[in-house]
Amino acid sequence: MGKYFFLVMLGLAACESSVTPFCECINTSEVLNNAQIEFMEKIDETTTLDSKEMIKLREAKKLACKEFESISGEEALELKKACEDS
């Protein structure tokens, strides 16, 4: 679980000029989604540390996506396509 938080923080800290803020939002969201799937698959084995890491990942996603909360679905799809093209 810690690997996901590390990846998100590394991505946020090392924003390359070719990676737009929306692409960072998409990347952070994907890391969070994967971590949530892993968390749910191991729900019987999770620890308090795992729960705290999930909270940190959610906060990282909220921070990365904050400026995109009010964009339309159509605009979000266009921005996402631009991320995939680059």
PDB file of N, CA and C in Angstrom:
ATOM      1  N   MET A   1       0.822  -1.194   0.000  1.00  0.00           N
ATOM      2  CA  MET A   1       0.000   0.000   0.000  1.00  0.00           C
ATOM      3  C   MET A   1       0.863   1.253   0.000  1.00  0.00           C
ATOM      4  N   GLY A   2       1.969   1.222   0.706  1.00  0.00           N
ATOM      5  CA  GLY A   2       2.863   2.374   0.768  1.00  0.00           C
ATOM      6  C   GLY A   2       3.442   2.742  -0.583  1.00  0.00           C
ATOM      7  N   LYS A   3       3.553   1.754  -1.462  1.00  0.00           N
ATOM      8  CA  LYS A   3       4.100   2.020  -2.789  1.00  0.00           C
ATOM      9  C   LYS A   3       3.199   2.962  -3.561  1.00  0.00           C
ATOM     10  N   TYR A   4       1.888   2.873  -3.358  1.00  0.00           N
ATOM     11  CA  TYR A   4       0.974   3.758  -4.070  1.00  0.00           C
ATOM     12  C   TYR A   4       1.148   5.199  -3.605  1.00  0.00           C
ATOM     13  N   PHE A   5       1.221   5.391  -2.320  1.00  0.00           N
ATOM     14  CA  PHE A   5       1.391   6.750  -1.803  1.00  0.00           C
ATOM     15  C   PHE A   5       2.700   7.331  -2.306  1.00  0.00           C
ATOM     16  N   PHE A   6       3.756   6.532  -2.300  1.00  0.00           N
ATOM     17  CA  PHE A   6       5.048   6.988  -2.789  1.00  0.00           C
ATOM     18  C   PHE A   6       4.949   7.404  -4.254  1.00  0.00           C
ATOM     19  N   LEU A   7       4.264   6.604  -5.069  1.00  0.00           N
ATOM     20  CA  LEU A   7       4.126   6.925  -6.494  1.00  0.00           C
ATOM     21  C   LEU A   7       3.365   8.224  -6.710  1.00  0.00           C
ATOM     22  N   VAL A   8       2.310   8.428  -5.949  1.00  0.00           N
ATOM     23  CA  VAL A   8       1.535   9.660  -6.081  1.00  0.00           C
ATOM     24  C   VAL A   8       2.380  10.866  -5.696  1.00  0.00           C
ATOM     25  N   MET A   9       3.042  10.765  -4.572  1.00  0.00           N
ATOM     26  CA  MET A   9       3.837  11.894  -4.103  1.00  0.00           C
ATOM     27  C   MET A   9       5.008  12.173  -5.047  1.00  0.00           C
ATOM     28  N   LEU A  10       5.618  11.125  -5.564  1.00  0.00           N
ATOM     29  CA  LEU A  10       6.705  11.297  -6.525  1.00  0.00           C
ATOM     30  C   LEU A  10       6.187  11.990  -7.777  1.00  0.00           C
ATOM     31  N   GLY A  11       5.032  11.568  -8.231  1.00  0.00           N
ATOM     32  CA  GLY A  11       4.441  12.184  -9.414  1.00  0.00           C
ATOM     33  C   GLY A  11       4.094  13.643  -9.196  1.00  0.00           C
ATOM     34  N   LEU A  12       3.565  13.957  -8.034  1.00  0.00           N
ATOM     35  CA  LEU A  12       3.209  15.342  -7.742  1.00  0.00           C
ATOM     36  C   LEU A  12       4.442  16.219  -7.563  1.00  0.00           C
ATOM     37  N   ALA A  13       5.473  15.668  -6.969  1.00  0.00           N
ATOM     38  CA  ALA A  13       6.683  16.444  -6.709  1.00  0.00           C
ATOM     39  C   ALA A  13       7.515  16.664  -7.960  1.00  0.00           C
ATOM     40  N   ALA A  14       7.432  15.738  -8.887  1.00  0.00           N
ATOM     41  CA  ALA A  14       8.286  15.799 -10.069  1.00  0.00           C
ATOM     42  C   ALA A  14       7.478  16.096 -11.324  1.00  0.00           C
ATOM     43  N   CYS A  15       6.616  17.074 -11.242  1.00  0.00           N
ATOM     44  CA  CYS A  15       5.798  17.422 -12.396  1.00  0.00           C
ATOM     45  C   CYS A  15       6.694  17.841 -13.559  1.00  0.00           C
ATOM     46  N   GLU A  16       6.654  17.034 -14.597  1.00  0.00           N
ATOM     47  CA  GLU A  16       7.416  17.356 -15.776  1.00  0.00           C
ATOM     48  C   GLU A  16       6.631  18.385 -16.578  1.00  0.00           C
ATOM     49  N   SER A  17       7.341  19.160 -17.410  1.00  0.00           N
ATOM     50  CA  SER A  17       6.670  20.186 -18.188  1.00  0.00           C
ATOM     51  C   SER A  17       5.674  19.585 -19.169  1.00  0.00           C
ATOM     52  N   SER A  18       5.884  18.336 -19.593  1.00  0.00           N
ATOM     53  CA  SER A  18       4.981  17.703 -20.548  1.00  0.00           C
ATOM     54  C   SER A  18       3.729  17.146 -19.882  1.00  0.00           C
ATOM     55  N   VAL A  19       3.696  17.085 -18.575  1.00  0.00           N
ATOM     56  CA  VAL A  19       2.543  16.547 -17.865  1.00  0.00           C
ATOM     57  C   VAL A  19       1.708  17.718 -17.350  1.00  0.00           C
ATOM     58  N   THR A  20       0.484  17.778 -17.834  1.00  0.00           N
ATOM     59  CA  THR A  20      -0.395  18.863 -17.417  1.00  0.00           C
ATOM     60  C   THR A  20      -0.983  18.573 -16.045  1.00  0.00           C
ATOM     61  N   PRO A  21      -1.486  19.590 -15.373  1.00  0.00           N
ATOM     62  CA  PRO A  21      -2.136  19.348 -14.074  1.00  0.00           C
ATOM     63  C   PRO A  21      -3.303  18.368 -14.184  1.00  0.00           C
ATOM     64  N   PHE A  22      -4.048  18.405 -15.295  1.00  0.00           N
ATOM     65  CA  PHE A  22      -5.154  17.461 -15.441  1.00  0.00           C
ATOM     66  C   PHE A  22      -4.631  16.038 -15.577  1.00  0.00           C
ATOM     67  N   CYS A  23      -3.521  15.864 -16.288  1.00  0.00           N
ATOM     68  CA  CYS A  23      -2.927  14.523 -16.416  1.00  0.00           C
ATOM     69  C   CYS A  23      -2.468  14.020 -15.049  1.00  0.00           C
ATOM     70  N   GLU A  24      -1.951  14.906 -14.216  1.00  0.00           N
ATOM     71  CA  GLU A  24      -1.573  14.520 -12.851  1.00  0.00           C
ATOM     72  C   GLU A  24      -2.806  14.084 -12.076  1.00  0.00           C
ATOM     73  N   CYS A  25      -3.909  14.781 -12.285  1.00  0.00           N
ATOM     74  CA  CYS A  25      -5.166  14.414 -11.629  1.00  0.00           C
ATOM     75  C   CYS A  25      -5.586  13.016 -12.063  1.00  0.00           C
ATOM     76  N   ILE A  26      -5.528  12.758 -13.356  1.00  0.00           N
ATOM     77  CA  ILE A  26      -5.899  11.436 -13.885  1.00  0.00           C
ATOM     78  C   ILE A  26      -4.982  10.360 -13.312  1.00  0.00           C
ATOM     79  N   ASN A  27      -3.669  10.615 -13.322  1.00  0.00           N
ATOM     80  CA  ASN A  27      -2.708   9.633 -12.809  1.00  0.00           C
ATOM     81  C   ASN A  27      -2.940   9.347 -11.327  1.00  0.00           C
ATOM     82  N   THR A  28      -3.160  10.398 -10.560  1.00  0.00           N
ATOM     83  CA  THR A  28      -3.403  10.242  -9.124  1.00  0.00           C
ATOM     84  C   THR A  28      -4.698   9.460  -8.882  1.00  0.00           C
ATOM     85  N   SER A  29      -5.708   9.742  -9.680  1.00  0.00           N
ATOM     86  CA  SER A  29      -6.981   9.023  -9.554  1.00  0.00           C
ATOM     87  C   SER A  29      -6.799   7.538  -9.850  1.00  0.00           C
ATOM     88  N   GLU A  30      -6.013   7.218 -10.861  1.00  0.00           N
ATOM     89  CA  GLU A  30      -5.774   5.814 -11.201  1.00  0.00           C
ATOM     90  C   GLU A  30      -5.016   5.092 -10.090  1.00  0.00           C
ATOM     91  N   VAL A  31      -4.030   5.766  -9.503  1.00  0.00           N
ATOM     92  CA  VAL A  31      -3.283   5.162  -8.393  1.00  0.00           C
ATOM     93  C   VAL A  31      -4.224   4.900  -7.223  1.00  0.00           C
ATOM     94  N   LEU A  32      -5.085   5.873  -6.919  1.00  0.00           N
ATOM     95  CA  LEU A  32      -6.048   5.706  -5.835  1.00  0.00           C
ATOM     96  C   LEU A  32      -7.006   4.551  -6.131  1.00  0.00           C
ATOM     97  N   ASN A  33      -7.516   4.485  -7.353  1.00  0.00           N
ATOM     98  CA  ASN A  33      -8.436   3.404  -7.707  1.00  0.00           C
ATOM     99  C   ASN A  33      -7.777   2.040  -7.540  1.00  0.00           C
ATOM    100  N   ASN A  34      -6.547   1.903  -8.016  1.00  0.00           N
ATOM    101  CA  ASN A  34      -5.830   0.627  -7.876  1.00  0.00           C
ATOM    102  C   ASN A  34      -5.600   0.280  -6.414  1.00  0.00           C
ATOM    103  N   ALA A  35      -5.262   1.278  -5.619  1.00  0.00           N
ATOM    104  CA  ALA A  35      -5.041   1.042  -4.190  1.00  0.00           C
ATOM    105  C   ALA A  35      -6.337   0.623  -3.501  1.00  0.00           C
ATOM    106  N   GLN A  36      -7.455   1.234  -3.896  1.00  0.00           N
ATOM    107  CA  GLN A  36      -8.737   0.874  -3.293  1.00  0.00           C
ATOM    108  C   GLN A  36      -9.121  -0.555  -3.652  1.00  0.00           C
ATOM    109  N   ILE A  37      -8.852  -0.957  -4.890  1.00  0.00           N
ATOM    110  CA  ILE A  37      -9.137  -2.339  -5.291  1.00  0.00           C
ATOM    111  C   ILE A  37      -8.297  -3.302  -4.458  1.00  0.00           C
ATOM    112  N   GLU A  38      -7.012  -3.002  -4.327  1.00  0.00           N
ATOM    113  CA  GLU A  38      -6.122  -3.855  -3.532  1.00  0.00           C
ATOM    114  C   GLU A  38      -6.574  -3.892  -2.075  1.00  0.00           C
ATOM    115  N   PHE A  39      -6.962  -2.749  -1.553  1.00  0.00           N
ATOM    116  CA  PHE A  39      -7.423  -2.634  -0.170  1.00  0.00           C
ATOM    117  C   PHE A  39      -8.656  -3.513   0.052  1.00  0.00           C
ATOM    118  N   MET A  40      -9.609  -3.459  -0.875  1.00  0.00           N
ATOM    119  CA  MET A  40     -10.838  -4.231  -0.724  1.00  0.00           C
ATOM    120  C   MET A  40     -10.587  -5.728  -0.893  1.00  0.00           C
ATOM    121  N   GLU A  41      -9.646  -6.096  -1.743  1.00  0.00           N
ATOM    122  CA  GLU A  41      -9.335  -7.515  -1.928  1.00  0.00           C
ATOM    123  C   GLU A  41      -8.689  -8.117  -0.687  1.00  0.00           C
ATOM    124  N   LYS A  42      -8.029  -7.275   0.101  1.00  0.00           N
ATOM    125  CA  LYS A  42      -7.339  -7.758   1.297  1.00  0.00           C
ATOM    126  C   LYS A  42      -7.994  -7.223   2.564  1.00  0.00           C
ATOM    127  N   ILE A  43      -9.290  -6.979   2.513  1.00  0.00           N
ATOM    128  CA  ILE A  43      -9.980  -6.321   3.617  1.00  0.00           C
ATOM    129  C   ILE A  43      -9.783  -7.048   4.946  1.00  0.00           C
ATOM    130  N   ASP A  44      -9.673  -8.360   4.927  1.00  0.00           N
ATOM    131  CA  ASP A  44      -9.478  -9.108   6.170  1.00  0.00           C
ATOM    132  C   ASP A  44      -8.066  -8.948   6.721  1.00  0.00           C
ATOM    133  N   GLU A  45      -7.131  -8.522   5.872  1.00  0.00           N
ATOM    134  CA  GLU A  45      -5.730  -8.397   6.282  1.00  0.00           C
ATOM    135  C   GLU A  45      -5.284  -6.946   6.469  1.00  0.00           C
ATOM    136  N   THR A  46      -6.174  -5.995   6.265  1.00  0.00           N
ATOM    137  CA  THR A  46      -5.778  -4.597   6.333  1.00  0.00           C
ATOM    138  C   THR A  46      -5.451  -4.182   7.762  1.00  0.00           C
ATOM    139  N   THR A  47      -4.633  -3.171   7.848  1.00  0.00           N
ATOM    140  CA  THR A  47      -4.199  -2.653   9.139  1.00  0.00           C
ATOM    141  C   THR A  47      -4.564  -1.181   9.250  1.00  0.00           C
ATOM    142  N   THR A  48      -4.340  -0.624  10.405  1.00  0.00           N
ATOM    143  CA  THR A  48      -4.557   0.807  10.600  1.00  0.00           C
ATOM    144  C   THR A  48      -3.644   1.607   9.684  1.00  0.00           C
ATOM    145  N   LEU A  49      -2.431   1.114   9.464  1.00  0.00           N
ATOM    146  CA  LEU A  49      -1.488   1.792   8.568  1.00  0.00           C
ATOM    147  C   LEU A  49      -2.052   1.835   7.152  1.00  0.00           C
ATOM    148  N   ASP A  50      -2.647   0.730   6.693  1.00  0.00           N
ATOM    149  CA  ASP A  50      -3.262   0.700   5.362  1.00  0.00           C
ATOM    150  C   ASP A  50      -4.372   1.736   5.264  1.00  0.00           C
ATOM    151  N   SER A  51      -5.181   1.835   6.302  1.00  0.00           N
ATOM    152  CA  SER A  51      -6.273   2.808   6.314  1.00  0.00           C
ATOM    153  C   SER A  51      -5.742   4.231   6.254  1.00  0.00           C
ATOM    154  N   LYS A  52      -4.672   4.508   6.977  1.00  0.00           N
ATOM    155  CA  LYS A  52      -4.074   5.843   6.973  1.00  0.00           C
ATOM    156  C   LYS A  52      -3.489   6.174   5.600  1.00  0.00           C
ATOM    157  N   GLU A  53      -2.911   5.175   4.945  1.00  0.00           N
ATOM    158  CA  GLU A  53      -2.363   5.398   3.611  1.00  0.00           C
ATOM    159  C   GLU A  53      -3.477   5.684   2.612  1.00  0.00           C
ATOM    160  N   MET A  54      -4.619   5.026   2.763  1.00  0.00           N
ATOM    161  CA  MET A  54      -5.762   5.303   1.887  1.00  0.00           C
ATOM    162  C   MET A  54      -6.228   6.745   2.079  1.00  0.00           C
ATOM    163  N   ILE A  55      -6.241   7.208   3.290  1.00  0.00           N
ATOM    164  CA  ILE A  55      -6.628   8.593   3.568  1.00  0.00           C
ATOM    165  C   ILE A  55      -5.651   9.541   2.889  1.00  0.00           C
ATOM    166  N   LYS A  56      -4.361   9.253   2.975  1.00  0.00           N
ATOM    167  CA  LYS A  56      -3.349  10.101   2.337  1.00  0.00           C
ATOM    168  C   LYS A  56      -3.511  10.103   0.819  1.00  0.00           C
ATOM    169  N   LEU A  57      -3.818   8.951   0.230  1.00  0.00           N
ATOM    170  CA  LEU A  57      -4.028   8.879  -1.212  1.00  0.00           C
ATOM    171  C   LEU A  57      -5.253   9.699  -1.621  1.00  0.00           C
ATOM    172  N   ARG A  58      -6.315   9.622  -0.834  1.00  0.00           N
ATOM    173  CA  ARG A  58      -7.514  10.412  -1.135  1.00  0.00           C
ATOM    174  C   ARG A  58      -7.219  11.906  -1.054  1.00  0.00           C
ATOM    175  N   GLU A  59      -6.418  12.298  -0.069  1.00  0.00           N
ATOM    176  CA  GLU A  59      -6.045  13.705   0.062  1.00  0.00           C
ATOM    177  C   GLU A  59      -5.179  14.152  -1.111  1.00  0.00           C
ATOM    178  N   ALA A  60      -4.257  13.285  -1.551  1.00  0.00           N
ATOM    179  CA  ALA A  60      -3.405  13.607  -2.697  1.00  0.00           C
ATOM    180  C   ALA A  60      -4.251  13.773  -3.958  1.00  0.00           C
ATOM    181  N   LYS A  61      -5.241  12.902  -4.138  1.00  0.00           N
ATOM    182  CA  LYS A  61      -6.125  13.007  -5.303  1.00  0.00           C
ATOM    183  C   LYS A  61      -6.945  14.284  -5.230  1.00  0.00           C
ATOM    184  N   LYS A  62      -7.470  14.587  -4.059  1.00  0.00           N
ATOM    185  CA  LYS A  62      -8.271  15.797  -3.885  1.00  0.00           C
ATOM    186  C   LYS A  62      -7.443  17.033  -4.220  1.00  0.00           C
ATOM    187  N   LEU A  63      -6.193  17.049  -3.787  1.00  0.00           N
ATOM    188  CA  LEU A  63      -5.303  18.171  -4.073  1.00  0.00           C
ATOM    189  C   LEU A  63      -4.992  18.258  -5.566  1.00  0.00           C
ATOM    190  N   ALA A  64      -4.688  17.135  -6.196  1.00  0.00           N
ATOM    191  CA  ALA A  64      -4.325  17.119  -7.617  1.00  0.00           C
ATOM    192  C   ALA A  64      -5.507  17.489  -8.507  1.00  0.00           C
ATOM    193  N   CYS A  65      -6.717  17.186  -8.074  1.00  0.00           N
ATOM    194  CA  CYS A  65      -7.903  17.389  -8.915  1.00  0.00           C
ATOM    195  C   CYS A  65      -8.750  18.595  -8.514  1.00  0.00           C
ATOM    196  N   LYS A  66      -8.296  19.332  -7.519  1.00  0.00           N
ATOM    197  CA  LYS A  66      -9.088  20.424  -6.965  1.00  0.00           C
ATOM    198  C   LYS A  66      -9.572  21.417  -8.020  1.00  0.00           C
ATOM    199  N   GLU A  67      -8.687  21.831  -8.917  1.00  0.00           N
ATOM    200  CA  GLU A  67      -9.067  22.858  -9.880  1.00  0.00           C
ATOM    201  C   GLU A  67      -9.981  22.328 -10.994  1.00  0.00           C
ATOM    202  N   PHE A  68     -10.223  21.025 -11.029  1.00  0.00           N
ATOM    203  CA  PHE A  68     -11.041  20.434 -12.077  1.00  0.00           C
ATOM    204  C   PHE A  68     -12.400  19.950 -11.580  1.00  0.00           C
ATOM    205  N   GLU A  69     -12.751  20.285 -10.348  1.00  0.00           N
ATOM    206  CA  GLU A  69     -14.000  19.810  -9.756  1.00  0.00           C
ATOM    207  C   GLU A  69     -15.244  20.280 -10.503  1.00  0.00           C
ATOM    208  N   SER A  70     -15.169  21.459 -11.112  1.00  0.00           N
ATOM    209  CA  SER A  70     -16.376  22.025 -11.710  1.00  0.00           C
ATOM    210  C   SER A  70     -16.382  22.000 -13.239  1.00  0.00           C
ATOM    211  N   ILE A  71     -15.455  21.280 -13.862  1.00  0.00           N
ATOM    212  CA  ILE A  71     -15.474  21.230 -15.324  1.00  0.00           C
ATOM    213  C   ILE A  71     -16.535  20.242 -15.798  1.00  0.00           C
ATOM    214  N   SER A  72     -16.975  20.447 -17.003  1.00  0.00           N
ATOM    215  CA  SER A  72     -18.017  19.564 -17.549  1.00  0.00           C
ATOM    216  C   SER A  72     -17.421  18.212 -17.919  1.00  0.00           C
ATOM    217  N   GLY A  73     -18.293  17.239 -18.058  1.00  0.00           N
ATOM    218  CA  GLY A  73     -17.855  15.911 -18.465  1.00  0.00           C
ATOM    219  C   GLY A  73     -17.209  15.931 -19.839  1.00  0.00           C
ATOM    220  N   GLU A  74     -17.774  16.726 -20.734  1.00  0.00           N
ATOM    221  CA  GLU A  74     -17.238  16.837 -22.093  1.00  0.00           C
ATOM    222  C   GLU A  74     -15.820  17.420 -22.075  1.00  0.00           C
ATOM    223  N   GLU A  75     -15.630  18.473 -21.291  1.00  0.00           N
ATOM    224  CA  GLU A  75     -14.303  19.088 -21.182  1.00  0.00           C
ATOM    225  C   GLU A  75     -13.305  18.124 -20.545  1.00  0.00           C
ATOM    226  N   ALA A  76     -13.759  17.374 -19.550  1.00  0.00           N
ATOM    227  CA  ALA A  76     -12.885  16.403 -18.890  1.00  0.00           C
ATOM    228  C   ALA A  76     -12.438  15.325 -19.880  1.00  0.00           C
ATOM    229  N   LEU A  77     -13.367  14.874 -20.727  1.00  0.00           N
ATOM    230  CA  LEU A  77     -13.012  13.862 -21.724  1.00  0.00           C
ATOM    231  C   LEU A  77     -11.985  14.393 -22.722  1.00  0.00           C
ATOM    232  N   GLU A  78     -12.130  15.658 -23.122  1.00  0.00           N
ATOM    233  CA  GLU A  78     -11.165  16.270 -24.039  1.00  0.00           C
ATOM    234  C   GLU A  78      -9.784  16.370 -23.388  1.00  0.00           C
ATOM    235  N   LEU A  79      -9.750  16.784 -22.136  1.00  0.00           N
ATOM    236  CA  LEU A  79      -8.477  16.889 -21.415  1.00  0.00           C
ATOM    237  C   LEU A  79      -7.843  15.524 -21.229  1.00  0.00           C
ATOM    238  N   LYS A  80      -8.667  14.537 -20.934  1.00  0.00           N
ATOM    239  CA  LYS A  80      -8.147  13.171 -20.756  1.00  0.00           C
ATOM    240  C   LYS A  80      -7.571  12.635 -22.056  1.00  0.00           C
ATOM    241  N   LYS A  81      -8.240  12.919 -23.168  1.00  0.00           N
ATOM    242  CA  LYS A  81      -7.740  12.476 -24.470  1.00  0.00           C
ATOM    243  C   LYS A  81      -6.382  13.135 -24.752  1.00  0.00           C
ATOM    244  N   ALA A  82      -6.239  14.401 -24.391  1.00  0.00           N
ATOM    245  CA  ALA A  82      -4.960  15.092 -24.589  1.00  0.00           C
ATOM    246  C   ALA A  82      -3.861  14.422 -23.764  1.00  0.00           C
ATOM    247  N   CYS A  83      -4.195  13.934 -22.584  1.00  0.00           N
ATOM    248  CA  CYS A  83      -3.217  13.230 -21.744  1.00  0.00           C
ATOM    249  C   CYS A  83      -2.788  11.927 -22.413  1.00  0.00           C
ATOM    250  N   GLU A  84      -3.749  11.225 -22.974  1.00  0.00           N
ATOM    251  CA  GLU A  84      -3.458   9.955 -23.618  1.00  0.00           C
ATOM    252  C   GLU A  84      -2.646  10.133 -24.894  1.00  0.00           C
ATOM    253  N   ASP A  85      -2.837  11.274 -25.579  1.00  0.00           N
ATOM    254  CA  ASP A  85      -2.115  11.541 -26.823  1.00  0.00           C
ATOM    255  C   ASP A  85      -0.666  11.953 -26.594  1.00  0.00           C
ATOM    256  N   SER A  86      -0.386  12.451 -25.412  1.00  0.00           N
ATOM    257  CA  SER A  86       0.987  12.931 -25.166  1.00  0.00           C
ATOM    258  C   SER A  86       1.877  11.871 -24.565  1.00  0.00           C
TER     259      SER A  86
END
